[in-house]
Amino acid sequence: MSPSHAAASEEDRPLVGFSPWGAAFRVRVATYVVLVAVPAALIAGWAFDRLAVEGKLDQADAALGAELRASMGELRAAAKETEARATRLASSARVHTALARRDRAALRRLIVENPRVAVLSPRGVVVAGRLEPLALSRSVDVVARDRRLGRIVASLPLDDELLARLEREAALPAG
């Protein structure tokens, strides 16, 4: 063996404790993990969390929308009932006769039988009952032979009773 050949073989031999994956490389990998992988994991976690939150918000929006539709349907039904009461009274022969004769006593008796109703003169003056201050109202003219005798106003007070009715209708099953 020549001395130059012996020197080459010593260089080819690995040094004890030496690794190509040395400290500098490990520092670079750790830096990469800290600068790239950790933020990427945090961003991915945030994105998944955001999707979960948006899913819950969408679910809550859908539930609230269903409750609102149910309440509005019940309110429309209550308004139709109120309008039907006004129409029924306005077409009553007793109401026509009492208005034509300007018989306030007869009109007051009708109002006792039909709460939440007011009877107005042709000029709009309340002659029996009272107009509810905070209510959904429906009115129907009372007409005989093309002559307006008065007007019937039926009211649906916006009160705790109506609110409870709307809440009952809007109740959805849990889940």
Protein backbone atom coordinates (compact mmCIF):
# COMPACT_ATOMS: atom_id res chain seq x y z
CA MET A 1 0.00 0.00 0.00
CA SER A 2 1.24 3.34 -0.92
CA PRO A 3 1.20 6.20 1.56
CA SER A 4 -1.17 8.21 -0.61
CA HIS A 5 -3.55 5.29 -0.76
CA ALA A 6 -3.42 4.86 3.00
CA ALA A 7 -4.27 8.52 3.52
CA ALA A 8 -7.30 8.20 1.28
CA SER A 9 -8.61 5.23 3.18
CA GLU A 10 -8.28 7.14 6.47
CA GLU A 11 -10.35 9.97 5.02
CA ASP A 12 -12.97 7.51 3.81
CA ARG A 13 -13.42 6.07 7.24
CA PRO A 14 -16.24 7.67 9.24
CA LEU A 15 -15.22 9.52 12.31
CA VAL A 16 -16.54 8.26 15.60
CA GLY A 17 -19.54 10.39 16.69
CA PHE A 18 -19.78 12.12 13.30
CA SER A 19 -23.11 12.04 11.47
CA PRO A 20 -24.15 13.66 8.21
CA TRP A 21 -27.28 14.71 10.14
CA GLY A 22 -25.24 16.86 12.48
CA ALA A 23 -26.20 19.64 14.82
CA ALA A 24 -26.41 22.29 12.12
CA PHE A 25 -28.84 20.18 10.09
CA ARG A 26 -30.97 19.47 13.14
CA VAL A 27 -31.11 23.20 13.90
CA ARG A 28 -32.26 23.84 10.32
CA VAL A 29 -34.99 21.18 10.61
CA ALA A 30 -36.14 22.52 13.96
CA THR A 31 -36.24 26.04 12.52
CA TYR A 32 -38.26 24.78 9.56
CA VAL A 33 -40.73 23.06 11.88
CA VAL A 34 -41.10 26.16 14.01
CA LEU A 35 -41.38 28.57 11.10
CA VAL A 36 -43.47 26.48 8.69
CA ALA A 37 -45.08 23.41 10.19
CA VAL A 38 -46.34 24.92 13.47
CA PRO A 39 -48.01 27.94 11.83
CA ALA A 40 -49.49 25.65 9.17
CA ALA A 41 -50.93 23.41 11.87
CA LEU A 42 -52.29 26.43 13.73
CA ILE A 43 -53.88 27.80 10.55
CA ALA A 44 -55.41 24.41 9.77
CA GLY A 45 -56.76 24.15 13.30
CA TRP A 46 -58.19 27.67 13.09
CA ALA A 47 -59.81 26.86 9.73
CA PHE A 48 -61.41 23.67 11.06
CA ASP A 49 -62.62 25.53 14.14
CA ARG A 50 -64.01 28.28 11.93
CA LEU A 51 -65.90 25.72 9.84
CA ALA A 52 -67.36 24.18 12.99
CA VAL A 53 -68.41 27.60 14.30
CA GLU A 54 -69.96 28.55 10.94
CA GLY A 55 -71.79 25.22 10.88
CA LYS A 56 -73.24 25.92 14.32
CA LEU A 57 -74.15 29.46 13.26
CA ASP A 58 -75.87 28.13 10.14
CA GLN A 59 -77.71 25.62 12.30
CA ALA A 60 -78.80 28.35 14.73
CA ASP A 61 -79.86 30.60 11.83
CA ALA A 62 -81.97 27.78 10.38
CA ALA A 63 -83.65 27.13 13.74
CA LEU A 64 -84.38 30.83 14.27
CA GLY A 65 -85.73 31.11 10.74
CA ALA A 66 -88.07 28.17 11.33
CA GLU A 67 -89.28 29.71 14.60
CA LEU A 68 -89.86 33.06 12.90
CA ARG A 69 -91.81 31.43 10.05
CA ALA A 70 -93.98 29.55 12.56
CA SER A 71 -94.64 32.73 14.56
CA MET A 72 -95.46 34.73 11.45
CA GLY A 73 -97.84 32.00 10.28
CA GLU A 74 -99.62 32.09 13.63
CA LEU A 75 -99.79 35.89 13.55
CA ARG A 76 -101.31 35.77 10.05
CA ALA A 77 -103.88 33.23 11.27
CA ALA A 78 -104.75 35.45 14.25
CA ALA A 79 -105.12 38.45 11.92
CA LYS A 80 -107.48 36.45 9.68
CA GLU A 81 -109.56 35.46 12.72
CA THR A 82 -109.73 39.13 13.72
CA GLU A 83 -110.81 40.14 10.21
CA ALA A 84 -113.44 37.38 10.18
CA ARG A 85 -114.89 38.71 13.46
CA ALA A 86 -115.14 42.21 11.99
CA THR A 87 -116.73 40.90 8.76
CA ARG A 88 -119.21 38.70 10.65
CA LEU A 89 -120.36 41.60 12.81
CA ALA A 90 -120.48 44.06 9.91
CA SER A 91 -122.80 41.73 8.00
CA SER A 92 -125.05 41.11 11.03
CA ALA A 93 -128.66 42.31 10.72
CA ARG A 94 -128.54 43.39 14.39
CA VAL A 95 -125.59 45.68 13.69
CA HIS A 96 -127.24 47.11 10.55
CA THR A 97 -130.47 47.82 12.45
CA ALA A 98 -128.71 49.35 15.47
CA LEU A 99 -126.52 51.60 13.28
CA ALA A 100 -129.43 52.66 11.06
CA ARG A 101 -131.47 53.59 14.16
CA ARG A 102 -128.43 55.05 15.95
CA ASP A 103 -129.27 52.78 18.86
CA ARG A 104 -126.19 53.06 21.08
CA ALA A 105 -127.63 50.81 23.78
CA ALA A 106 -128.09 47.96 21.27
CA LEU A 107 -124.57 48.54 19.95
CA ARG A 108 -123.13 48.42 23.49
CA ARG A 109 -124.93 45.10 24.09
CA LEU A 110 -123.33 43.75 20.90
CA ILE A 111 -119.93 44.86 22.12
CA VAL A 112 -120.40 43.04 25.45
CA GLU A 113 -120.99 39.86 23.42
CA ASN A 114 -117.99 40.64 21.17
CA PRO A 115 -115.03 41.94 23.19
CA ARG A 116 -112.18 43.71 21.46
CA VAL A 117 -114.53 45.30 18.95
CA ALA A 118 -115.41 48.94 18.45
CA VAL A 119 -118.28 50.42 16.43
CA LEU A 120 -117.63 53.71 14.69
CA SER A 121 -120.08 56.20 13.22
CA PRO A 122 -119.84 57.14 9.53
CA ARG A 123 -117.67 60.08 10.65
CA GLY A 124 -115.26 57.81 12.56
CA VAL A 125 -116.46 58.55 16.09
CA VAL A 126 -116.46 55.58 18.47
CA VAL A 127 -120.09 54.94 19.45
CA ALA A 128 -119.58 51.60 21.25
CA GLY A 129 -116.58 49.69 22.54
CA ARG A 130 -113.12 51.13 22.42
CA LEU A 131 -110.15 51.13 20.09
CA GLU A 132 -107.24 49.18 21.51
CA PRO A 133 -104.14 51.43 21.76
CA LEU A 134 -101.58 48.75 20.87
CA ALA A 135 -103.22 46.22 18.61
CA LEU A 136 -103.43 44.75 15.18
CA SER A 137 -106.81 45.96 13.90
CA ARG A 138 -109.07 45.00 11.03
CA SER A 139 -112.00 47.17 10.01
CA VAL A 140 -115.02 46.58 7.81
CA ASP A 141 -117.52 49.19 6.63
CA VAL A 142 -121.19 48.57 7.36
CA VAL A 143 -123.12 49.54 4.23
CA ALA A 144 -126.83 49.47 3.40
CA ARG A 145 -128.25 50.60 0.04
CA ASP A 146 -125.01 52.31 -0.94
CA ARG A 147 -125.00 54.27 2.31
CA ARG A 148 -122.26 53.83 4.86
CA LEU A 149 -123.85 53.28 8.26
CA GLY A 150 -120.60 52.93 10.20
CA ARG A 151 -117.58 50.77 10.64
CA ILE A 152 -116.70 47.73 12.76
CA VAL A 153 -113.12 47.56 14.08
CA ALA A 154 -111.96 44.26 15.55
CA SER A 155 -108.65 44.30 17.42
CA LEU A 156 -105.99 41.77 18.30
CA PRO A 157 -104.08 43.31 21.22
CA LEU A 158 -100.32 42.96 21.10
CA ASP A 159 -100.13 41.68 24.66
CA ASP A 160 -98.71 38.85 26.76
CA GLU A 161 -101.53 36.52 25.67
CA LEU A 162 -100.65 36.96 21.99
CA LEU A 163 -96.94 36.64 22.75
CA ALA A 164 -97.56 33.34 24.59
CA ARG A 165 -99.61 32.08 21.64
CA LEU A 166 -96.82 32.95 19.20
CA GLU A 167 -94.20 31.35 21.46
CA ARG A 168 -96.22 28.12 21.69
CA GLU A 169 -96.53 27.97 17.91
CA ALA A 170 -92.81 28.64 17.39
CA ALA A 171 -91.69 25.87 19.78
CA LEU A 172 -89.42 23.43 17.97
CA PRO A 173 -88.33 19.99 19.10
CA ALA A 174 -84.96 19.87 20.85
CA GLY A 175 -82.02 18.89 18.71
